[in-house]
């Protein structure tokens, strides 16, 4: 019988911590490319949602944010929808363009809304 993996709770969400070897066993149990593609899709969708929440916290439209960033509104839309791959640099630029603190997170934003 295998040992239960360690867990970690962040912002009220529980995560399972796996060793690299355990993770690779799981990934190899199904087609690797499919598992990685699914993981990337989830990450992009989550990041896109967070970017949308940052923009909305700043009360900006996609067009206004795009103008501040010097990019197209379509790029902002694709990033928020999780269709566009974005780097940490893009996220930092969005946070700055929205006038939010560097340590801003959607969970902090939602907590502050409930206190109002």
PDB file of N, CA and C in Angstrom:
ATOM      1  N   UNK A   1       0.836  -1.168   0.000  1.00  0.00           N
ATOM      2  CA  UNK A   1       0.000   0.000   0.000  1.00  0.00           C
ATOM      3  C   UNK A   1       0.890   1.243   0.000  1.00  0.00           C
ATOM      4  N   UNK A   2       0.569   2.192  -0.879  1.00  0.00           N
ATOM      5  CA  UNK A   2       1.422   3.376  -0.959  1.00  0.00           C
ATOM      6  C   UNK A   2       1.019   4.395   0.097  1.00  0.00           C
ATOM      7  N   UNK A   3       1.983   5.208   0.450  1.00  0.00           N
ATOM      8  CA  UNK A   3       1.787   6.241   1.447  1.00  0.00           C
ATOM      9  C   UNK A   3       0.959   7.385   0.837  1.00  0.00           C
ATOM     10  N   UNK A   4       0.083   7.991   1.626  1.00  0.00           N
ATOM     11  CA  UNK A   4      -0.715   9.112   1.123  1.00  0.00           C
ATOM     12  C   UNK A   4       0.185  10.306   0.869  1.00  0.00           C
ATOM     13  N   UNK A   5      -0.058  11.025  -0.230  1.00  0.00           N
ATOM     14  CA  UNK A   5       0.777  12.194  -0.514  1.00  0.00           C
ATOM     15  C   UNK A   5       0.496  13.319   0.475  1.00  0.00           C
ATOM     16  N   UNK A   6       1.475  14.177   0.638  1.00  0.00           N
ATOM     17  CA  UNK A   6       1.316  15.335   1.516  1.00  0.00           C
ATOM     18  C   UNK A   6       0.316  16.302   0.891  1.00  0.00           C
ATOM     19  N   UNK A   7      -0.348  17.060   1.739  1.00  0.00           N
ATOM     20  CA  UNK A   7      -1.282  18.065   1.239  1.00  0.00           C
ATOM     21  C   UNK A   7      -0.878  19.431   1.758  1.00  0.00           C
ATOM     22  N   UNK A   8      -1.366  20.444   1.089  1.00  0.00           N
ATOM     23  CA  UNK A   8      -1.060  21.823   1.421  1.00  0.00           C
ATOM     24  C   UNK A   8      -2.318  22.632   1.184  1.00  0.00           C
ATOM     25  N   UNK A   9      -2.634  23.553   2.054  1.00  0.00           N
ATOM     26  CA  UNK A   9      -3.804  24.400   1.889  1.00  0.00           C
ATOM     27  C   UNK A   9      -3.352  25.843   1.690  1.00  0.00           C
ATOM     28  N   UNK A  10      -3.802  26.443   0.592  1.00  0.00           N
ATOM     29  CA  UNK A  10      -3.483  27.836   0.277  1.00  0.00           C
ATOM     30  C   UNK A  10      -4.787  28.541  -0.051  1.00  0.00           C
ATOM     31  N   UNK A  11      -5.044  29.638   0.646  1.00  0.00           N
ATOM     32  CA  UNK A  11      -6.272  30.418   0.433  1.00  0.00           C
ATOM     33  C   UNK A  11      -7.515  29.536   0.443  1.00  0.00           C
ATOM     34  N   UNK A  12      -7.555  28.588   1.357  1.00  0.00           N
ATOM     35  CA  UNK A  12      -8.731  27.744   1.509  1.00  0.00           C
ATOM     36  C   UNK A  12      -8.852  26.628   0.481  1.00  0.00           C
ATOM     37  N   UNK A  13      -7.868  26.488  -0.408  1.00  0.00           N
ATOM     38  CA  UNK A  13      -7.894  25.418  -1.404  1.00  0.00           C
ATOM     39  C   UNK A  13      -6.855  24.380  -1.012  1.00  0.00           C
ATOM     40  N   UNK A  14      -7.235  23.094  -1.126  1.00  0.00           N
ATOM     41  CA  UNK A  14      -6.328  22.010  -0.792  1.00  0.00           C
ATOM     42  C   UNK A  14      -5.610  21.517  -2.043  1.00  0.00           C
ATOM     43  N   UNK A  15      -4.304  21.300  -1.909  1.00  0.00           N
ATOM     44  CA  UNK A  15      -3.471  20.808  -3.001  1.00  0.00           C
ATOM     45  C   UNK A  15      -2.774  19.542  -2.543  1.00  0.00           C
ATOM     46  N   UNK A  16      -2.514  18.641  -3.467  1.00  0.00           N
ATOM     47  CA  UNK A  16      -1.788  17.417  -3.192  1.00  0.00           C
ATOM     48  C   UNK A  16      -0.366  17.616  -3.687  1.00  0.00           C
ATOM     49  N   UNK A  17       0.602  17.276  -2.863  1.00  0.00           N
ATOM     50  CA  UNK A  17       2.007  17.410  -3.225  1.00  0.00           C
ATOM     51  C   UNK A  17       2.527  16.034  -3.605  1.00  0.00           C
ATOM     52  N   UNK A  18       3.018  15.936  -4.822  1.00  0.00           N
ATOM     53  CA  UNK A  18       3.564  14.681  -5.318  1.00  0.00           C
ATOM     54  C   UNK A  18       5.040  14.842  -5.618  1.00  0.00           C
ATOM     55  N   UNK A  19       5.777  13.776  -5.423  1.00  0.00           N
ATOM     56  CA  UNK A  19       7.176  13.802  -5.844  1.00  0.00           C
ATOM     57  C   UNK A  19       7.199  13.777  -7.367  1.00  0.00           C
ATOM     58  N   UNK A  20       8.310  14.189  -7.929  1.00  0.00           N
ATOM     59  CA  UNK A  20       8.443  14.173  -9.390  1.00  0.00           C
ATOM     60  C   UNK A  20       8.226  12.762  -9.925  1.00  0.00           C
ATOM     61  N   UNK A  21       8.762  11.769  -9.241  1.00  0.00           N
ATOM     62  CA  UNK A  21       8.619  10.375  -9.683  1.00  0.00           C
ATOM     63  C   UNK A  21       7.137   9.960  -9.698  1.00  0.00           C
ATOM     64  N   UNK A  22       6.402  10.325  -8.638  1.00  0.00           N
ATOM     65  CA  UNK A  22       4.972   9.992  -8.585  1.00  0.00           C
ATOM     66  C   UNK A  22       4.204  10.693  -9.695  1.00  0.00           C
ATOM     67  N   UNK A  23       4.536  11.963  -9.906  1.00  0.00           N
ATOM     68  CA  UNK A  23       3.881  12.727 -10.968  1.00  0.00           C
ATOM     69  C   UNK A  23       4.134  12.070 -12.328  1.00  0.00           C
ATOM     70  N   UNK A  24       5.385  11.711 -12.589  1.00  0.00           N
ATOM     71  CA  UNK A  24       5.723  11.097 -13.873  1.00  0.00           C
ATOM     72  C   UNK A  24       5.003   9.765 -14.062  1.00  0.00           C
ATOM     73  N   UNK A  25       4.825   8.995 -12.993  1.00  0.00           N
ATOM     74  CA  UNK A  25       4.070   7.746 -13.089  1.00  0.00           C
ATOM     75  C   UNK A  25       2.632   8.035 -13.515  1.00  0.00           C
ATOM     76  N   UNK A  26       2.028   9.051 -12.916  1.00  0.00           N
ATOM     77  CA  UNK A  26       0.653   9.411 -13.267  1.00  0.00           C
ATOM     78  C   UNK A  26       0.545   9.864 -14.714  1.00  0.00           C
ATOM     79  N   UNK A  27       1.478  10.706 -15.128  1.00  0.00           N
ATOM     80  CA  UNK A  27       1.461  11.230 -16.491  1.00  0.00           C
ATOM     81  C   UNK A  27       1.687  10.105 -17.486  1.00  0.00           C
ATOM     82  N   UNK A  28       2.567   9.169 -17.155  1.00  0.00           N
ATOM     83  CA  UNK A  28       2.859   8.069 -18.063  1.00  0.00           C
ATOM     84  C   UNK A  28       1.721   7.058 -18.113  1.00  0.00           C
ATOM     85  N   UNK A  29       0.850   7.095 -17.119  1.00  0.00           N
ATOM     86  CA  UNK A  29      -0.307   6.204 -17.109  1.00  0.00           C
ATOM     87  C   UNK A  29      -1.314   6.567 -18.181  1.00  0.00           C
ATOM     88  N   UNK A  30      -1.277   7.783 -18.653  1.00  0.00           N
ATOM     89  CA  UNK A  30      -2.117   8.221 -19.760  1.00  0.00           C
ATOM     90  C   UNK A  30      -1.205   8.879 -20.783  1.00  0.00           C
ATOM     91  N   UNK A  31      -1.683   9.105 -21.983  1.00  0.00           N
ATOM     92  CA  UNK A  31      -0.806   9.729 -22.969  1.00  0.00           C
ATOM     93  C   UNK A  31      -0.236  11.045 -22.436  1.00  0.00           C
ATOM     94  N   UNK A  32       1.087  11.120 -22.404  1.00  0.00           N
ATOM     95  CA  UNK A  32       1.772  12.261 -21.800  1.00  0.00           C
ATOM     96  C   UNK A  32       1.352  13.582 -22.424  1.00  0.00           C
ATOM     97  N   UNK A  33       1.287  13.641 -23.729  1.00  0.00           N
ATOM     98  CA  UNK A  33       0.954  14.899 -24.389  1.00  0.00           C
ATOM     99  C   UNK A  33      -0.452  15.358 -24.023  1.00  0.00           C
ATOM    100  N   UNK A  34      -1.378  14.422 -23.868  1.00  0.00           N
ATOM    101  CA  UNK A  34      -2.750  14.787 -23.495  1.00  0.00           C
ATOM    102  C   UNK A  34      -2.782  15.344 -22.083  1.00  0.00           C
ATOM    103  N   UNK A  35      -2.078  14.673 -21.151  1.00  0.00           N
ATOM    104  CA  UNK A  35      -2.060  15.130 -19.761  1.00  0.00           C
ATOM    105  C   UNK A  35      -1.433  16.512 -19.657  1.00  0.00           C
ATOM    106  N   UNK A  36      -0.319  16.730 -20.345  1.00  0.00           N
ATOM    107  CA  UNK A  36       0.328  18.036 -20.297  1.00  0.00           C
ATOM    108  C   UNK A  36      -0.518  19.096 -20.969  1.00  0.00           C
ATOM    109  N   UNK A  37      -1.160  18.751 -22.069  1.00  0.00           N
ATOM    110  CA  UNK A  37      -2.024  19.716 -22.752  1.00  0.00           C
ATOM    111  C   UNK A  37      -3.179  20.117 -21.845  1.00  0.00           C
ATOM    112  N   UNK A  38      -3.776  19.149 -21.162  1.00  0.00           N
ATOM    113  CA  UNK A  38      -4.865  19.448 -20.244  1.00  0.00           C
ATOM    114  C   UNK A  38      -4.391  20.340 -19.101  1.00  0.00           C
ATOM    115  N   UNK A  39      -3.220  20.055 -18.556  1.00  0.00           N
ATOM    116  CA  UNK A  39      -2.681  20.873 -17.467  1.00  0.00           C
ATOM    117  C   UNK A  39      -2.432  22.299 -17.947  1.00  0.00           C
ATOM    118  N   UNK A  40      -1.870  22.446 -19.123  1.00  0.00           N
ATOM    119  CA  UNK A  40      -1.624  23.784 -19.672  1.00  0.00           C
ATOM    120  C   UNK A  40      -2.929  24.531 -19.883  1.00  0.00           C
ATOM    121  N   UNK A  41      -3.943  23.845 -20.351  1.00  0.00           N
ATOM    122  CA  UNK A  41      -5.250  24.482 -20.565  1.00  0.00           C
ATOM    123  C   UNK A  41      -5.828  25.004 -19.252  1.00  0.00           C
ATOM    124  N   UNK A  42      -5.719  24.194 -18.214  1.00  0.00           N
ATOM    125  CA  UNK A  42      -6.221  24.607 -16.897  1.00  0.00           C
ATOM    126  C   UNK A  42      -5.443  25.811 -16.387  1.00  0.00           C
ATOM    127  N   UNK A  43      -4.127  25.772 -16.534  1.00  0.00           N
ATOM    128  CA  UNK A  43      -3.287  26.886 -16.077  1.00  0.00           C
ATOM    129  C   UNK A  43      -3.631  28.161 -16.837  1.00  0.00           C
ATOM    130  N   UNK A  44      -3.748  28.062 -18.155  1.00  0.00           N
ATOM    131  CA  UNK A  44      -4.083  29.247 -18.958  1.00  0.00           C
ATOM    132  C   UNK A  44      -5.460  29.798 -18.599  1.00  0.00           C
ATOM    133  N   UNK A  45      -6.426  28.914 -18.399  1.00  0.00           N
ATOM    134  CA  UNK A  45      -7.776  29.367 -18.046  1.00  0.00           C
ATOM    135  C   UNK A  45      -7.773  30.064 -16.687  1.00  0.00           C
ATOM    136  N   UNK A  46      -7.053  29.508 -15.723  1.00  0.00           N
ATOM    137  CA  UNK A  46      -6.973  30.110 -14.392  1.00  0.00           C
ATOM    138  C   UNK A  46      -6.267  31.457 -14.455  1.00  0.00           C
ATOM    139  N   UNK A  47      -5.152  31.500 -15.158  1.00  0.00           N
ATOM    140  CA  UNK A  47      -4.419  32.752 -15.305  1.00  0.00           C
ATOM    141  C   UNK A  47      -5.273  33.784 -16.027  1.00  0.00           C
ATOM    142  N   UNK A  48      -5.968  33.368 -17.071  1.00  0.00           N
ATOM    143  CA  UNK A  48      -6.846  34.279 -17.809  1.00  0.00           C
ATOM    144  C   UNK A  48      -7.923  34.867 -16.919  1.00  0.00           C
ATOM    145  N   UNK A  49      -8.511  34.033 -16.085  1.00  0.00           N
ATOM    146  CA  UNK A  49      -9.529  34.501 -15.145  1.00  0.00           C
ATOM    147  C   UNK A  49      -8.939  35.519 -14.176  1.00  0.00           C
ATOM    148  N   UNK A  50      -7.724  35.256 -13.696  1.00  0.00           N
ATOM    149  CA  UNK A  50      -7.064  36.190 -12.781  1.00  0.00           C
ATOM    150  C   UNK A  50      -6.766  37.519 -13.466  1.00  0.00           C
ATOM    151  N   UNK A  51      -6.348  37.468 -14.734  1.00  0.00           N
ATOM    152  CA  UNK A  51      -6.085  38.700 -15.483  1.00  0.00           C
ATOM    153  C   UNK A  51      -7.377  39.504 -15.659  1.00  0.00           C
ATOM    154  N   UNK A  52      -8.463  38.814 -15.952  1.00  0.00           N
ATOM    155  CA  UNK A  52      -9.764  39.482 -16.102  1.00  0.00           C
ATOM    156  C   UNK A  52     -10.175  40.148 -14.784  1.00  0.00           C
ATOM    157  N   UNK A  53      -9.966  39.447 -13.671  1.00  0.00           N
ATOM    158  CA  UNK A  53     -10.316  40.008 -12.366  1.00  0.00           C
ATOM    159  C   UNK A  53      -9.469  41.239 -12.042  1.00  0.00           C
ATOM    160  N   UNK A  54      -8.203  41.221 -12.435  1.00  0.00           N
ATOM    161  CA  UNK A  54      -7.332  42.389 -12.221  1.00  0.00           C
ATOM    162  C   UNK A  54      -7.851  43.580 -13.016  1.00  0.00           C
ATOM    163  N   UNK A  55      -8.189  43.333 -14.278  1.00  0.00           N
ATOM    164  CA  UNK A  55      -8.706  44.422 -15.125  1.00  0.00           C
ATOM    165  C   UNK A  55     -10.007  44.973 -14.564  1.00  0.00           C
ATOM    166  N   UNK A  56     -10.885  44.089 -14.135  1.00  0.00           N
ATOM    167  CA  UNK A  56     -12.166  44.537 -13.583  1.00  0.00           C
ATOM    168  C   UNK A  56     -11.984  45.255 -12.249  1.00  0.00           C
ATOM    169  N   UNK A  57     -11.007  44.827 -11.455  1.00  0.00           N
ATOM    170  CA  UNK A  57     -10.722  45.512 -10.187  1.00  0.00           C
ATOM    171  C   UNK A  57     -10.295  46.952 -10.440  1.00  0.00           C
ATOM    172  N   UNK A  58      -9.676  47.176 -11.597  1.00  0.00           N
ATOM    173  CA  UNK A  58      -9.238  48.523 -11.974  1.00  0.00           C
ATOM    174  C   UNK A  58     -10.327  49.269 -12.751  1.00  0.00           C
ATOM    175  N   UNK A  59     -11.486  48.644 -12.946  1.00  0.00           N
ATOM    176  CA  UNK A  59     -12.613  49.226 -13.684  1.00  0.00           C
ATOM    177  C   UNK A  59     -12.205  49.653 -15.094  1.00  0.00           C
ATOM    178  N   UNK A  60     -11.445  48.770 -15.762  1.00  0.00           N
ATOM    179  CA  UNK A  60     -11.009  49.043 -17.135  1.00  0.00           C
ATOM    180  C   UNK A  60     -11.714  48.102 -18.100  1.00  0.00           C
ATOM    181  N   UNK A  61     -11.950  48.577 -19.319  1.00  0.00           N
ATOM    182  CA  UNK A  61     -12.426  47.699 -20.375  1.00  0.00           C
ATOM    183  C   UNK A  61     -11.206  47.025 -20.992  1.00  0.00           C
ATOM    184  N   UNK A  62     -11.451  46.006 -21.790  1.00  0.00           N
ATOM    185  CA  UNK A  62     -10.336  45.364 -22.481  1.00  0.00           C
ATOM    186  C   UNK A  62      -9.631  46.363 -23.396  1.00  0.00           C
ATOM    187  N   UNK A  63     -10.394  47.207 -24.054  1.00  0.00           N
ATOM    188  CA  UNK A  63      -9.805  48.203 -24.959  1.00  0.00           C
ATOM    189  C   UNK A  63      -8.937  49.201 -24.193  1.00  0.00           C
ATOM    190  N   UNK A  64      -9.400  49.624 -23.020  1.00  0.00           N
ATOM    191  CA  UNK A  64      -8.612  50.570 -22.222  1.00  0.00           C
ATOM    192  C   UNK A  64      -7.306  49.930 -21.733  1.00  0.00           C
ATOM    193  N   UNK A  65      -7.386  48.677 -21.291  1.00  0.00           N
ATOM    194  CA  UNK A  65      -6.183  47.988 -20.843  1.00  0.00           C
ATOM    195  C   UNK A  65      -5.220  47.795 -22.016  1.00  0.00           C
ATOM    196  N   UNK A  66      -5.758  47.399 -23.152  1.00  0.00           N
ATOM    197  CA  UNK A  66      -4.924  47.203 -24.345  1.00  0.00           C
ATOM    198  C   UNK A  66      -4.189  48.483 -24.707  1.00  0.00           C
ATOM    199  N   UNK A  67      -4.885  49.599 -24.630  1.00  0.00           N
ATOM    200  CA  UNK A  67      -4.259  50.886 -24.945  1.00  0.00           C
ATOM    201  C   UNK A  67      -3.115  51.183 -23.975  1.00  0.00           C
ATOM    202  N   UNK A  68      -3.347  50.938 -22.697  1.00  0.00           N
ATOM    203  CA  UNK A  68      -2.300  51.172 -21.690  1.00  0.00           C
ATOM    204  C   UNK A  68      -1.084  50.275 -21.920  1.00  0.00           C
ATOM    205  N   UNK A  69      -1.321  49.062 -22.429  1.00  0.00           N
ATOM    206  CA  UNK A  69      -0.240  48.110 -22.652  1.00  0.00           C
ATOM    207  C   UNK A  69       0.408  48.261 -24.031  1.00  0.00           C
ATOM    208  N   UNK A  70      -0.260  48.988 -24.910  1.00  0.00           N
ATOM    209  CA  UNK A  70       0.259  49.147 -26.264  1.00  0.00           C
ATOM    210  C   UNK A  70       0.100  47.890 -27.105  1.00  0.00           C
ATOM    211  N   UNK A  71      -0.982  47.148 -26.845  1.00  0.00           N
ATOM    212  CA  UNK A  71      -1.264  45.933 -27.604  1.00  0.00           C
ATOM    213  C   UNK A  71      -2.711  45.997 -28.094  1.00  0.00           C
ATOM    214  N   UNK A  72      -3.131  45.000 -28.825  1.00  0.00           N
ATOM    215  CA  UNK A  72      -4.503  44.984 -29.338  1.00  0.00           C
ATOM    216  C   UNK A  72      -5.486  44.485 -28.277  1.00  0.00           C
ATOM    217  N   UNK A  73      -6.733  44.895 -28.440  1.00  0.00           N
ATOM    218  CA  UNK A  73      -7.798  44.411 -27.564  1.00  0.00           C
ATOM    219  C   UNK A  73      -7.963  42.911 -27.750  1.00  0.00           C
ATOM    220  N   UNK A  74      -7.732  42.419 -28.961  1.00  0.00           N
ATOM    221  CA  UNK A  74      -7.849  40.986 -29.237  1.00  0.00           C
ATOM    222  C   UNK A  74      -6.829  40.187 -28.416  1.00  0.00           C
ATOM    223  N   UNK A  75      -5.645  40.735 -28.227  1.00  0.00           N
ATOM    224  CA  UNK A  75      -4.619  40.072 -27.411  1.00  0.00           C
ATOM    225  C   UNK A  75      -5.077  39.986 -25.954  1.00  0.00           C
ATOM    226  N   UNK A  76      -5.630  41.087 -25.451  1.00  0.00           N
ATOM    227  CA  UNK A  76      -6.134  41.087 -24.070  1.00  0.00           C
ATOM    228  C   UNK A  76      -7.243  40.046 -23.935  1.00  0.00           C
ATOM    229  N   UNK A  77      -8.158  40.031 -24.888  1.00  0.00           N
ATOM    230  CA  UNK A  77      -9.262  39.082 -24.869  1.00  0.00           C
ATOM    231  C   UNK A  77      -8.754  37.638 -24.899  1.00  0.00           C
ATOM    232  N   UNK A  78      -7.796  37.351 -25.773  1.00  0.00           N
ATOM    233  CA  UNK A  78      -7.243  35.990 -25.876  1.00  0.00           C
ATOM    234  C   UNK A  78      -6.546  35.562 -24.584  1.00  0.00           C
ATOM    235  N   UNK A  79      -5.813  36.485 -23.979  1.00  0.00           N
ATOM    236  CA  UNK A  79      -5.125  36.171 -22.716  1.00  0.00           C
ATOM    237  C   UNK A  79      -6.144  35.883 -21.621  1.00  0.00           C
ATOM    238  N   UNK A  80      -7.193  36.695 -21.548  1.00  0.00           N
ATOM    239  CA  UNK A  80      -8.219  36.495 -20.513  1.00  0.00           C
ATOM    240  C   UNK A  80      -9.021  35.216 -20.738  1.00  0.00           C
ATOM    241  N   UNK A  81      -9.156  34.812 -21.985  1.00  0.00           N
ATOM    242  CA  UNK A  81      -9.903  33.589 -22.300  1.00  0.00           C
ATOM    243  C   UNK A  81      -9.045  32.340 -22.177  1.00  0.00           C
ATOM    244  N   UNK A  82      -7.743  32.524 -21.937  1.00  0.00           N
ATOM    245  CA  UNK A  82      -6.844  31.387 -21.802  1.00  0.00           C
ATOM    246  C   UNK A  82      -6.410  30.809 -23.132  1.00  0.00           C
ATOM    247  N   UNK A  83      -6.687  31.520 -24.220  1.00  0.00           N
ATOM    248  CA  UNK A  83      -6.276  31.034 -25.543  1.00  0.00           C
ATOM    249  C   UNK A  83      -4.859  31.460 -25.896  1.00  0.00           C
ATOM    250  N   UNK A  84      -4.368  32.492 -25.247  1.00  0.00           N
ATOM    251  CA  UNK A  84      -3.060  33.059 -25.536  1.00  0.00           C
ATOM    252  C   UNK A  84      -2.084  32.721 -24.415  1.00  0.00           C
ATOM    253  N   UNK A  85      -0.935  32.216 -24.761  1.00  0.00           N
ATOM    254  CA  UNK A  85       0.099  31.943 -23.769  1.00  0.00           C
ATOM    255  C   UNK A  85       0.727  33.273 -23.362  1.00  0.00           C
ATOM    256  N   UNK A  86       0.814  33.513 -22.067  1.00  0.00           N
ATOM    257  CA  UNK A  86       1.416  34.752 -21.580  1.00  0.00           C
ATOM    258  C   UNK A  86       2.518  34.432 -20.575  1.00  0.00           C
ATOM    259  N   UNK A  87       3.488  35.323 -20.511  1.00  0.00           N
ATOM    260  CA  UNK A  87       4.616  35.143 -19.600  1.00  0.00           C
ATOM    261  C   UNK A  87       4.407  35.978 -18.342  1.00  0.00           C
ATOM    262  N   UNK A  88       5.259  35.728 -17.362  1.00  0.00           N
ATOM    263  CA  UNK A  88       5.212  36.470 -16.102  1.00  0.00           C
ATOM    264  C   UNK A  88       5.330  37.974 -16.351  1.00  0.00           C
ATOM    265  N   UNK A  89       6.140  38.339 -17.334  1.00  0.00           N
ATOM    266  CA  UNK A  89       6.326  39.756 -17.684  1.00  0.00           C
ATOM    267  C   UNK A  89       5.000  40.408 -18.090  1.00  0.00           C
ATOM    268  N   UNK A  90       4.194  39.701 -18.874  1.00  0.00           N
ATOM    269  CA  UNK A  90       2.884  40.226 -19.284  1.00  0.00           C
ATOM    270  C   UNK A  90       1.995  40.426 -18.067  1.00  0.00           C
ATOM    271  N   UNK A  91       1.971  39.449 -17.180  1.00  0.00           N
ATOM    272  CA  UNK A  91       1.147  39.552 -15.971  1.00  0.00           C
ATOM    273  C   UNK A  91       1.576  40.769 -15.147  1.00  0.00           C
ATOM    274  N   UNK A  92       2.878  40.957 -14.978  1.00  0.00           N
ATOM    275  CA  UNK A  92       3.385  42.116 -14.229  1.00  0.00           C
ATOM    276  C   UNK A  92       2.965  43.423 -14.894  1.00  0.00           C
ATOM    277  N   UNK A  93       3.008  43.468 -16.219  1.00  0.00           N
ATOM    278  CA  UNK A  93       2.594  44.679 -16.946  1.00  0.00           C
ATOM    279  C   UNK A  93       1.105  44.958 -16.740  1.00  0.00           C
ATOM    280  N   UNK A  94       0.293  43.908 -16.746  1.00  0.00           N
ATOM    281  CA  UNK A  94      -1.150  44.079 -16.528  1.00  0.00           C
ATOM    282  C   UNK A  94      -1.407  44.623 -15.129  1.00  0.00           C
ATOM    283  N   UNK A  95      -0.770  44.040 -14.127  1.00  0.00           N
ATOM    284  CA  UNK A  95      -0.945  44.487 -12.735  1.00  0.00           C
ATOM    285  C   UNK A  95      -0.563  45.960 -12.619  1.00  0.00           C
ATOM    286  N   UNK A  96       0.551  46.335 -13.219  1.00  0.00           N
ATOM    287  CA  UNK A  96       1.014  47.722 -13.168  1.00  0.00           C
ATOM    288  C   UNK A  96       0.044  48.644 -13.915  1.00  0.00           C
ATOM    289  N   UNK A  97      -0.380  48.239 -15.110  1.00  0.00           N
ATOM    290  CA  UNK A  97      -1.300  49.051 -15.912  1.00  0.00           C
ATOM    291  C   UNK A  97      -2.643  49.240 -15.209  1.00  0.00           C
ATOM    292  N   UNK A  98      -3.009  48.277 -14.385  1.00  0.00           N
ATOM    293  CA  UNK A  98      -4.266  48.360 -13.633  1.00  0.00           C
ATOM    294  C   UNK A  98      -4.104  49.166 -12.345  1.00  0.00           C
ATOM    295  N   UNK A  99      -2.872  49.567 -12.045  1.00  0.00           N
ATOM    296  CA  UNK A  99      -2.625  50.349 -10.827  1.00  0.00           C
ATOM    297  C   UNK A  99      -2.778  49.540  -9.552  1.00  0.00           C
ATOM    298  N   UNK A 100      -2.559  48.243  -9.655  1.00  0.00           N
ATOM    299  CA  UNK A 100      -2.700  47.362  -8.497  1.00  0.00           C
ATOM    300  C   UNK A 100      -1.331  47.105  -7.871  1.00  0.00           C
ATOM    301  N   UNK A 101      -1.291  46.779  -6.577  1.00  0.00           N
ATOM    302  CA  UNK A 101       0.004  46.485  -5.946  1.00  0.00           C
ATOM    303  C   UNK A 101       0.626  45.231  -6.540  1.00  0.00           C
ATOM    304  N   UNK A 102       1.947  45.158  -6.513  1.00  0.00           N
ATOM    305  CA  UNK A 102       2.667  44.013  -7.084  1.00  0.00           C
ATOM    306  C   UNK A 102       2.218  42.681  -6.496  1.00  0.00           C
ATOM    307  N   UNK A 103       1.789  42.686  -5.237  1.00  0.00           N
ATOM    308  CA  UNK A 103       1.379  41.436  -4.594  1.00  0.00           C
ATOM    309  C   UNK A 103      -0.129  41.197  -4.707  1.00  0.00           C
ATOM    310  N   UNK A 104      -0.806  41.920  -5.614  1.00  0.00           N
ATOM    311  CA  UNK A 104      -2.246  41.740  -5.787  1.00  0.00           C
ATOM    312  C   UNK A 104      -2.561  40.298  -6.179  1.00  0.00           C
ATOM    313  N   UNK A 105      -3.661  39.810  -5.662  1.00  0.00           N
ATOM    314  CA  UNK A 105      -4.155  38.497  -6.084  1.00  0.00           C
ATOM    315  C   UNK A 105      -5.675  38.550  -6.090  1.00  0.00           C
ATOM    316  N   UNK A 106      -6.317  37.728  -6.917  1.00  0.00           N
ATOM    317  CA  UNK A 106      -7.785  37.724  -6.961  1.00  0.00           C
ATOM    318  C   UNK A 106      -8.409  37.433  -5.605  1.00  0.00           C
ATOM    319  N   UNK A 107      -7.768  36.591  -4.795  1.00  0.00           N
ATOM    320  CA  UNK A 107      -8.345  36.263  -3.487  1.00  0.00           C
ATOM    321  C   UNK A 107      -8.349  37.484  -2.572  1.00  0.00           C
ATOM    322  N   UNK A 108      -7.311  38.321  -2.662  1.00  0.00           N
ATOM    323  CA  UNK A 108      -7.288  39.554  -1.866  1.00  0.00           C
ATOM    324  C   UNK A 108      -8.379  40.497  -2.336  1.00  0.00           C
ATOM    325  N   UNK A 109      -8.575  40.535  -3.638  1.00  0.00           N
ATOM    326  CA  UNK A 109      -9.588  41.414  -4.217  1.00  0.00           C
ATOM    327  C   UNK A 109     -10.990  41.009  -3.773  1.00  0.00           C
ATOM    328  N   UNK A 110     -11.274  39.696  -3.788  1.00  0.00           N
ATOM    329  CA  UNK A 110     -12.605  39.241  -3.397  1.00  0.00           C
ATOM    330  C   UNK A 110     -12.839  39.419  -1.903  1.00  0.00           C
ATOM    331  N   UNK A 111     -11.775  39.286  -1.094  1.00  0.00           N
ATOM    332  CA  UNK A 111     -11.948  39.515   0.348  1.00  0.00           C
ATOM    333  C   UNK A 111     -12.257  40.975   0.623  1.00  0.00           C
ATOM    334  N   UNK A 112     -11.603  41.898  -0.104  1.00  0.00           N
ATOM    335  CA  UNK A 112     -11.847  43.310   0.144  1.00  0.00           C
ATOM    336  C   UNK A 112     -13.239  43.705  -0.296  1.00  0.00           C
ATOM    337  N   UNK A 113     -13.785  43.043  -1.322  1.00  0.00           N
ATOM    338  CA  UNK A 113     -15.133  43.358  -1.773  1.00  0.00           C
ATOM    339  C   UNK A 113     -16.162  42.958  -0.711  1.00  0.00           C
ATOM    340  N   UNK A 114     -15.916  41.851  -0.014  1.00  0.00           N
ATOM    341  CA  UNK A 114     -16.884  41.400   0.978  1.00  0.00           C
ATOM    342  C   UNK A 114     -16.860  42.272   2.223  1.00  0.00           C
ATOM    343  N   UNK A 115     -15.777  42.999   2.449  1.00  0.00           N
ATOM    344  CA  UNK A 115     -15.721  43.851   3.624  1.00  0.00           C
ATOM    345  C   UNK A 115     -16.430  45.183   3.410  1.00  0.00           C
ATOM    346  N   UNK A 116     -16.672  45.539   2.172  1.00  0.00           N
ATOM    347  CA  UNK A 116     -17.300  46.835   1.877  1.00  0.00           C
ATOM    348  C   UNK A 116     -18.725  46.908   2.335  1.00  0.00           C
TER     349      UNK A 116
END
